[in-house]
Protein backbone atom coordinates (compact mmCIF):
# COMPACT_ATOMS: atom_id res chain seq x y z
CA MET A 1 -20.94 33.30 -15.59
CA SER A 2 -19.27 36.62 -16.39
CA SER A 3 -16.91 36.43 -19.36
CA GLU A 4 -14.09 35.81 -16.85
CA GLY A 5 -13.69 32.10 -16.32
CA LYS A 6 -15.89 30.80 -19.14
CA THR A 7 -12.84 28.99 -20.52
CA GLY A 8 -9.28 28.70 -19.30
CA LEU A 9 -5.95 27.04 -19.94
CA GLN A 10 -5.27 23.65 -18.39
CA LEU A 11 -2.02 21.67 -18.43
CA ARG A 12 -2.33 18.09 -19.68
CA SER A 13 0.12 15.18 -19.65
CA LEU A 14 -0.19 12.33 -22.14
CA ILE A 15 1.86 9.16 -22.54
CA LYS A 16 1.34 7.62 -25.95
CA LYS A 17 1.45 3.91 -26.70
CA SER A 18 4.36 4.79 -29.00
CA GLY A 19 6.47 5.53 -25.90
CA GLU A 20 6.39 9.32 -25.95
CA LEU A 21 5.38 11.78 -23.24
CA GLU A 22 3.62 14.94 -24.42
CA ILE A 23 2.79 17.89 -22.15
CA VAL A 24 0.55 20.62 -23.56
CA LEU A 25 -1.72 23.51 -22.57
CA ILE A 26 -5.29 23.29 -23.82
CA ASN A 27 -8.25 25.65 -23.53
CA VAL A 28 -11.12 24.00 -21.66
CA PRO A 29 -14.63 25.24 -20.86
CA THR A 30 -15.21 25.93 -17.15
CA PRO A 31 -18.30 24.08 -15.88
CA GLU A 32 -21.24 26.11 -14.55
CA PRO A 33 -21.22 25.43 -10.79
CA ALA A 34 -24.02 23.22 -9.45
CA GLU A 35 -25.85 24.54 -6.38
CA ASP A 36 -23.24 23.19 -3.96
CA GLU A 37 -20.22 24.13 -6.11
CA ILE A 38 -17.92 27.10 -6.67
CA VAL A 39 -15.52 28.20 -9.42
CA VAL A 40 -12.06 29.29 -8.24
CA ARG A 41 -9.59 31.40 -10.21
CA VAL A 42 -6.39 29.47 -9.46
CA GLU A 43 -3.59 31.85 -8.45
CA ALA A 44 -1.02 29.51 -6.92
CA THR A 45 -0.31 25.77 -7.23
CA PRO A 46 2.97 24.09 -6.20
CA ILE A 47 5.02 21.53 -8.10
CA ASN A 48 5.39 18.79 -5.47
CA PRO A 49 7.33 15.53 -5.97
CA SER A 50 3.92 13.80 -5.91
CA ASP A 51 2.87 15.92 -8.92
CA LEU A 52 5.93 14.97 -10.97
CA GLY A 53 4.84 11.31 -11.08
CA LEU A 54 1.79 12.34 -13.12
CA LEU A 55 3.38 15.28 -14.95
CA THR A 56 6.37 13.44 -16.41
CA GLY A 57 5.48 9.80 -15.69
CA ALA A 58 8.41 7.47 -16.33
CA ALA A 59 9.79 9.65 -19.16
CA ASP A 60 13.52 10.27 -19.40
CA MET A 61 13.48 14.07 -19.12
CA THR A 62 17.05 14.35 -20.43
CA THR A 63 15.43 13.62 -23.82
CA ALA A 64 12.91 16.48 -23.48
CA LYS A 65 12.33 18.69 -26.51
CA SER A 66 10.24 21.82 -26.90
CA SER A 67 8.02 22.74 -29.86
CA GLY A 68 4.85 24.76 -30.40
CA THR A 69 4.73 28.50 -29.68
CA LYS A 70 5.64 30.67 -26.67
CA ALA A 71 1.94 30.99 -25.81
CA SER A 72 1.24 27.31 -26.46
CA PRO A 73 4.41 25.26 -25.82
CA VAL A 74 4.53 21.49 -26.36
CA ILE A 75 7.04 19.37 -24.44
CA SER A 76 7.87 15.86 -25.58
CA ALA A 77 10.22 13.22 -24.14
CA LYS A 78 10.93 9.52 -24.58
CA VAL A 79 9.69 6.91 -22.12
CA PRO A 80 12.26 4.08 -21.81
CA GLU A 81 10.90 0.77 -23.10
CA GLY A 82 11.43 -0.94 -19.74
CA ALA A 83 9.24 1.65 -17.99
CA MET A 84 6.25 1.39 -20.33
CA LYS A 85 4.68 -1.53 -18.44
CA ALA A 86 4.30 0.66 -15.33
CA MET A 87 2.51 3.30 -17.45
CA ALA A 88 -0.08 0.85 -18.87
CA GLY A 89 -3.00 2.34 -16.92
CA ARG A 90 -2.61 5.79 -18.44
CA LEU A 91 -1.56 5.18 -22.05
CA ASP A 92 -3.17 7.45 -24.66
CA GLU A 93 -5.17 9.26 -21.95
CA SER A 94 -4.64 13.02 -21.65
CA MET A 95 -4.47 13.73 -17.90
CA PRO A 96 -4.83 17.01 -15.98
CA VAL A 97 -2.08 17.63 -13.38
CA GLY A 98 -1.66 19.40 -10.02
CA ASN A 99 -2.75 18.07 -6.64
CA GLU A 100 -3.38 21.26 -4.68
CA GLY A 101 -3.60 25.01 -4.99
CA ALA A 102 -5.30 28.21 -3.87
CA GLY A 103 -7.18 31.07 -5.44
CA VAL A 104 -10.21 33.36 -5.34
CA VAL A 105 -13.85 32.24 -5.66
CA ILE A 106 -15.32 34.04 -8.71
CA LYS A 107 -18.63 32.20 -9.12
CA ALA A 108 -20.88 30.27 -6.71
CA GLY A 109 -23.84 27.94 -6.95
CA SER A 110 -27.20 28.73 -5.34
CA SER A 111 -26.64 27.05 -1.94
CA ASP A 112 -25.91 29.24 1.10
CA ALA A 113 -22.61 27.42 1.69
CA ALA A 114 -21.46 28.15 -1.87
CA LYS A 115 -22.66 31.78 -1.89
CA ALA A 116 -20.85 32.45 1.43
CA LEU A 117 -17.54 31.74 -0.33
CA MET A 118 -17.91 34.40 -3.07
CA GLY A 119 -14.76 36.54 -3.25
CA LYS A 120 -12.96 34.50 -0.59
CA THR A 121 -9.42 33.18 -0.98
CA VAL A 122 -9.54 29.41 -0.56
CA ALA A 123 -7.13 26.46 -0.57
CA MET A 124 -8.11 23.30 -2.40
CA ILE A 125 -7.07 19.79 -3.30
CA GLY A 126 -8.40 17.31 -5.82
CA GLY A 127 -6.26 17.32 -8.95
CA ALA A 128 -6.33 19.40 -12.16
CA MET A 129 -4.92 22.45 -10.35
CA TYR A 130 -2.47 23.40 -13.13
CA ALA A 131 -5.36 25.28 -14.69
CA GLN A 132 -6.68 28.84 -14.70
CA TYR A 133 -10.09 27.86 -13.26
CA ARG A 134 -11.31 24.98 -11.14
CA CYS A 135 -14.86 23.97 -10.23
CA LEU A 136 -15.22 22.16 -6.86
CA LYS A 137 -17.74 21.37 -4.16
CA ALA A 138 -17.95 24.19 -1.60
CA ARG A 139 -17.38 21.74 1.28
CA ASP A 140 -14.06 20.58 -0.17
CA VAL A 141 -12.20 23.90 0.08
CA LEU A 142 -10.54 25.57 3.07
CA VAL A 143 -11.21 29.28 3.57
CA LEU A 144 -7.87 30.95 4.24
CA PRO A 145 -7.63 33.39 7.16
CA GLU A 146 -8.07 37.10 6.35
CA GLY A 147 -4.81 38.56 5.02
CA THR A 148 -3.48 35.21 3.73
CA THR A 149 -2.42 35.21 0.07
CA ALA A 150 -3.06 32.40 -2.40
CA ALA A 151 0.72 31.76 -2.51
CA GLU A 152 0.79 31.34 1.29
CA GLY A 153 -2.12 28.88 1.17
CA ALA A 154 -1.20 26.96 -1.98
CA SER A 155 0.73 24.22 -0.19
CA CYS A 156 -1.52 23.75 2.82
CA PHE A 157 -2.60 20.17 2.08
CA VAL A 158 0.05 17.76 0.78
CA ASN A 159 3.19 18.63 2.76
CA PRO A 160 1.56 19.89 6.00
CA LEU A 161 -0.89 16.97 6.23
CA THR A 162 1.86 14.48 5.35
CA ALA A 163 4.07 15.87 8.14
CA LEU A 164 1.16 15.84 10.62
CA GLY A 165 0.21 12.36 9.37
CA MET A 166 3.68 11.14 10.35
CA THR A 167 3.37 12.34 13.96
CA GLU A 168 -0.22 11.06 14.11
CA THR A 169 0.91 7.62 12.84
CA MET A 170 3.67 7.63 15.44
CA ARG A 171 1.17 8.16 18.27
CA ARG A 172 -1.41 5.69 16.94
CA GLU A 173 1.18 2.91 16.52
CA GLY A 174 2.74 3.40 19.94
CA HIS A 175 6.14 4.89 18.97
CA LYS A 176 7.60 7.86 20.81
CA ALA A 177 10.01 9.46 18.32
CA LEU A 178 10.68 9.58 14.59
CA VAL A 179 13.37 9.24 11.93
CA HIS A 180 12.99 11.13 8.63
CA THR A 181 15.13 10.91 5.48
CA ALA A 182 15.72 13.59 2.82
CA ALA A 183 15.01 15.65 5.89
CA ALA A 184 15.94 19.14 4.64
CA SER A 185 13.07 19.13 2.13
CA ASN A 186 10.17 21.59 2.40
CA LEU A 187 8.20 18.80 4.10
CA GLY A 188 11.16 17.89 6.34
CA GLN A 189 11.44 21.46 7.56
CA MET A 190 7.73 21.45 8.44
CA LEU A 191 8.15 18.15 10.31
CA ASN A 192 10.99 19.73 12.29
CA ARG A 193 8.86 22.68 13.29
CA ILE A 194 6.02 20.34 14.38
CA CYS A 195 8.37 18.14 16.42
CA LEU A 196 10.10 21.12 18.07
CA LYS A 197 6.71 22.63 18.96
CA ASP A 198 5.17 19.34 20.17
CA GLY A 199 8.27 18.06 22.00
CA ILE A 200 8.74 15.00 19.75
CA GLY A 201 12.22 13.51 19.27
CA LEU A 202 13.21 13.62 15.59
CA VAL A 203 16.29 12.16 13.90
CA ASN A 204 16.95 13.89 10.56
CA ILE A 205 18.96 12.05 7.90
CA VAL A 206 20.37 14.25 5.10
CA ARG A 207 22.80 13.75 2.23
CA SER A 208 25.08 16.79 2.41
CA PRO A 209 26.65 19.24 4.91
CA GLN A 210 24.61 22.06 3.30
CA GLN A 211 21.35 20.23 4.06
CA ALA A 212 22.53 19.57 7.61
CA ALA A 213 23.23 23.29 8.06
CA ILE A 214 19.68 24.24 6.96
CA LEU A 215 18.18 22.04 9.70
CA ARG A 216 20.64 23.02 12.43
CA GLU A 217 19.83 26.67 11.81
CA MET A 218 16.17 25.81 12.46
CA GLY A 219 17.10 24.32 15.84
CA ALA A 220 17.01 20.63 14.86
CA ARG A 221 18.85 18.57 17.49
CA HIS A 222 19.68 15.35 15.68
CA VAL A 223 20.97 15.82 12.13
CA ILE A 224 22.95 12.95 10.59
CA ASP A 225 24.70 13.20 7.21
CA SER A 226 24.53 9.78 5.50
CA THR A 227 27.57 10.67 3.36
CA ALA A 228 29.82 11.39 6.38
CA PRO A 229 32.20 8.81 7.89
CA GLY A 230 30.75 7.20 11.03
CA PHE A 231 27.17 7.61 9.78
CA MET A 232 25.92 4.34 11.35
CA ASP A 233 27.47 5.13 14.75
CA ALA A 234 26.06 8.67 14.75
CA LEU A 235 22.62 7.37 13.76
CA THR A 236 22.68 4.70 16.49
CA ASP A 237 23.62 7.31 19.14
CA ALA A 238 20.71 9.54 18.05
CA LEU A 239 18.32 6.55 18.18
CA VAL A 240 19.47 5.65 21.70
CA GLU A 241 18.93 9.25 22.80
CA THR A 242 15.48 9.68 21.21
CA GLY A 243 14.15 6.12 21.44
CA ALA A 244 12.90 6.42 17.83
CA THR A 245 11.56 3.14 16.43
CA LEU A 246 9.60 4.54 13.47
CA ALA A 247 11.08 5.99 10.27
CA PHE A 248 9.57 7.70 7.23
CA ASP A 249 11.79 7.27 4.21
CA ALA A 250 11.51 9.48 1.12
CA ILE A 251 14.41 7.75 -0.65
CA GLY A 252 12.89 4.29 -1.11
CA GLY A 253 15.56 2.34 -2.99
CA GLY A 254 19.05 1.39 -1.86
CA LYS A 255 20.45 0.50 1.54
CA LEU A 256 19.11 3.30 3.75
CA ALA A 257 15.91 1.62 5.03
CA GLY A 258 17.96 -1.45 6.05
CA GLN A 259 20.63 0.72 7.68
CA ILE A 260 17.98 2.50 9.76
CA LEU A 261 16.52 -0.85 10.94
CA THR A 262 20.03 -2.15 11.75
CA CYS A 263 20.80 0.93 13.86
CA MET A 264 17.40 0.70 15.59
CA GLU A 265 18.23 -2.91 16.52
CA ILE A 266 21.67 -1.94 17.90
CA ALA A 267 20.06 0.92 19.85
CA ALA A 268 17.37 -1.40 21.28
CA ASN A 269 19.98 -3.98 22.33
CA ARG A 270 22.09 -1.31 24.03
CA THR A 271 19.25 -0.59 26.41
CA ALA A 272 17.79 -4.15 26.59
CA LYS A 273 17.60 -5.82 30.00
CA VAL A 274 17.52 -9.38 28.62
CA TYR A 275 19.43 -11.01 25.72
CA SER A 276 17.37 -12.77 23.05
CA ARG A 277 18.88 -14.94 20.34
CA TYR A 278 16.10 -13.78 18.00
CA GLY A 279 17.09 -10.15 18.40
CA SER A 280 15.27 -7.34 20.12
CA SER A 281 11.53 -7.73 20.71
CA VAL A 282 11.03 -3.99 20.12
CA HIS A 283 9.09 -3.48 16.88
CA LYS A 284 10.98 -1.33 14.39
CA GLN A 285 9.09 0.12 11.42
CA VAL A 286 10.15 1.93 8.25
CA TYR A 287 7.46 3.45 6.04
CA ILE A 288 8.55 4.33 2.52
CA TYR A 289 6.56 7.33 1.29
CA GLY A 290 8.70 8.51 -1.63
CA SER A 291 10.96 7.16 -4.34
CA LEU A 292 13.88 9.53 -4.84
CA ASP A 293 15.80 6.32 -5.58
CA PRO A 294 13.57 4.10 -7.77
CA GLY A 295 15.90 1.07 -7.37
CA PRO A 296 15.28 -2.01 -5.19
CA VAL A 297 15.08 -1.69 -1.40
CA GLU A 298 18.10 -3.58 -0.01
CA LEU A 299 17.64 -5.19 3.41
CA ASN A 300 20.59 -6.95 5.03
CA ARG A 301 18.46 -8.60 7.77
CA ALA A 302 20.75 -7.64 10.66
CA PHE A 303 17.86 -6.49 12.80
CA GLY A 304 16.15 -9.48 14.44
CA MET A 305 12.58 -10.49 13.71
CA ALA A 306 10.49 -7.61 15.11
CA TRP A 307 10.41 -5.23 12.16
CA GLY A 308 8.38 -4.06 9.21
CA VAL A 309 8.88 -2.19 5.96
CA GLY A 310 5.81 -0.87 4.21
CA GLY A 311 4.42 1.92 2.08
CA TRP A 312 2.68 5.00 3.47
CA LEU A 313 0.56 7.47 1.50
CA LEU A 314 -1.30 10.53 2.73
CA PHE A 315 -4.73 10.00 1.17
CA PRO A 316 -5.29 6.40 2.33
CA PHE A 317 -4.11 7.53 5.80
CA LEU A 318 -6.66 10.38 5.90
CA GLN A 319 -9.42 7.98 4.81
CA LYS A 320 -8.40 5.53 7.53
CA ILE A 321 -8.55 8.10 10.36
CA GLY A 322 -11.93 9.46 9.23
CA ARG A 323 -13.34 12.91 8.46
CA SER A 324 -13.36 14.40 11.97
CA ASP A 325 -9.72 13.56 12.74
CA ALA A 326 -8.66 14.68 9.25
CA ASP A 327 -10.51 17.98 9.82
CA ARG A 328 -8.70 18.41 13.14
CA LEU A 329 -5.37 18.13 11.30
CA ARG A 330 -6.56 20.57 8.61
CA GLN A 331 -7.61 23.14 11.21
CA ARG A 332 -4.15 23.01 12.77
CA VAL A 333 -2.63 23.69 9.34
CA VAL A 334 -4.84 26.77 8.85
CA ALA A 335 -4.05 28.05 12.35
CA GLU A 336 -0.27 27.72 11.83
CA LEU A 337 -0.09 28.47 8.10
CA LYS A 338 2.38 31.35 8.42
CA THR A 339 4.59 29.67 11.04
CA THR A 340 4.84 25.87 11.32
CA PHE A 341 3.50 25.24 7.82
CA ALA A 342 5.03 28.14 5.88
CA SER A 343 6.33 27.15 2.43
CA HIS A 344 9.08 28.96 0.56
CA TYR A 345 9.38 29.02 -3.22
CA THR A 346 12.42 29.74 -5.36
CA GLN A 347 10.39 30.69 -8.41
CA VAL A 348 6.84 31.70 -9.38
CA VAL A 349 6.08 30.83 -13.01
CA SER A 350 3.15 31.00 -15.43
CA LEU A 351 1.79 27.84 -17.07
CA GLN A 352 3.82 28.68 -20.19
CA GLU A 353 7.00 29.31 -18.17
CA ALA A 354 6.49 25.96 -16.36
CA LEU A 355 6.84 24.33 -19.79
CA GLN A 356 10.19 25.89 -20.65
CA LEU A 357 13.06 23.40 -20.73
CA PRO A 358 15.29 25.20 -18.14
CA ALA A 359 12.40 25.31 -15.64
CA ILE A 360 11.58 21.62 -16.26
CA ALA A 361 15.23 20.69 -15.71
CA ALA A 362 15.22 22.60 -12.40
CA TYR A 363 12.06 21.21 -10.85
CA THR A 364 12.42 17.61 -12.09
CA LYS A 365 15.80 17.25 -10.35
CA ARG A 366 13.95 17.67 -7.01
CA ALA A 367 16.81 19.58 -5.41
CA THR A 368 16.44 20.61 -1.77
CA GLY A 369 15.38 24.25 -1.54
CA GLU A 370 14.27 24.42 -5.21
CA LYS A 371 10.48 24.63 -5.03
CA TYR A 372 8.45 25.99 -7.93
CA LEU A 373 5.03 27.63 -7.67
CA ILE A 374 2.79 28.00 -10.72
CA ASN A 375 0.44 30.99 -10.97
CA PRO A 376 -1.84 29.84 -13.83
CA ASN A 377 -3.24 33.36 -14.20
CA LYS A 378 0.18 35.02 -14.49
CA ALA A 379 0.78 36.31 -18.01
CA GLY A 380 2.93 33.86 -19.98
């Protein structure tokens, strides 16, 4: 390997048995690629909500303190005693962070498939992306179209495939329209563009007039503010109009999942031909795929007997549908990377800047429209 890429910085997160989170940058050797592998210089990697679970664990980030140097910062924070049980599987284990990213191939193994990628800009997934260099199998990366930057391709797995996975789940389970919560998120905006393009009815639930305005500007038809008076009536009307019986909920805790099921039941009964004392026979499903509210899910059981609440995660879904269908979804993402699946970032930071307390406070609050991108090879 040329001197470039022999070693590089990597971000690591550690939760100690003593109840303390520690986030550091360490210098790690870059593996020599095997014949079917490549080494990528990582130039862009997003901070997704799914990354924060590993990055900060269950730590209370209001207790975060910074030490170390500008070039090698160390962040520490306290993990509340009650949350330590959930962290048992990772205690005292230093873990690399970052689900996905993009960059340029700087070294290739001897296989034709690997050599063909030399110099190409590729997108990748597989963890440990908050690092300057990443060694992966050649078959596991996506070559980005000519003229696409690493920043444009950095988020082409998690959010786009999650949004496509939602519409794919809808079709496979026999529903005809969708409900989505926290709907003004980066992912929610992608889901809107998919549904508008594919002619799928989508009911967007948001938590502020500002979020509602973002979606209406995009052309979203059904946008319901859960903080506004008459929320349940407005949601029911949108469900009658769309026929949506499937919801994807990013909030998780609280009353919202139960409110959605209740409104689906009222909507189904409005159009029912026959009364049933057991409630509507139409199956209503809420999949929880996030935990913006980590509290209990509260169900008031006002929605008959034909319903389900479950968890939904992208990677088990992709495994379930198999390689060829997953590849079909990936190819759509590549084809529509600058339109349907475009991501917008508020800030591009280096690894060192990502470990400054103001930046941590901004991206851990998960505010709509506040998306951070790390360029690990940006000077600190």
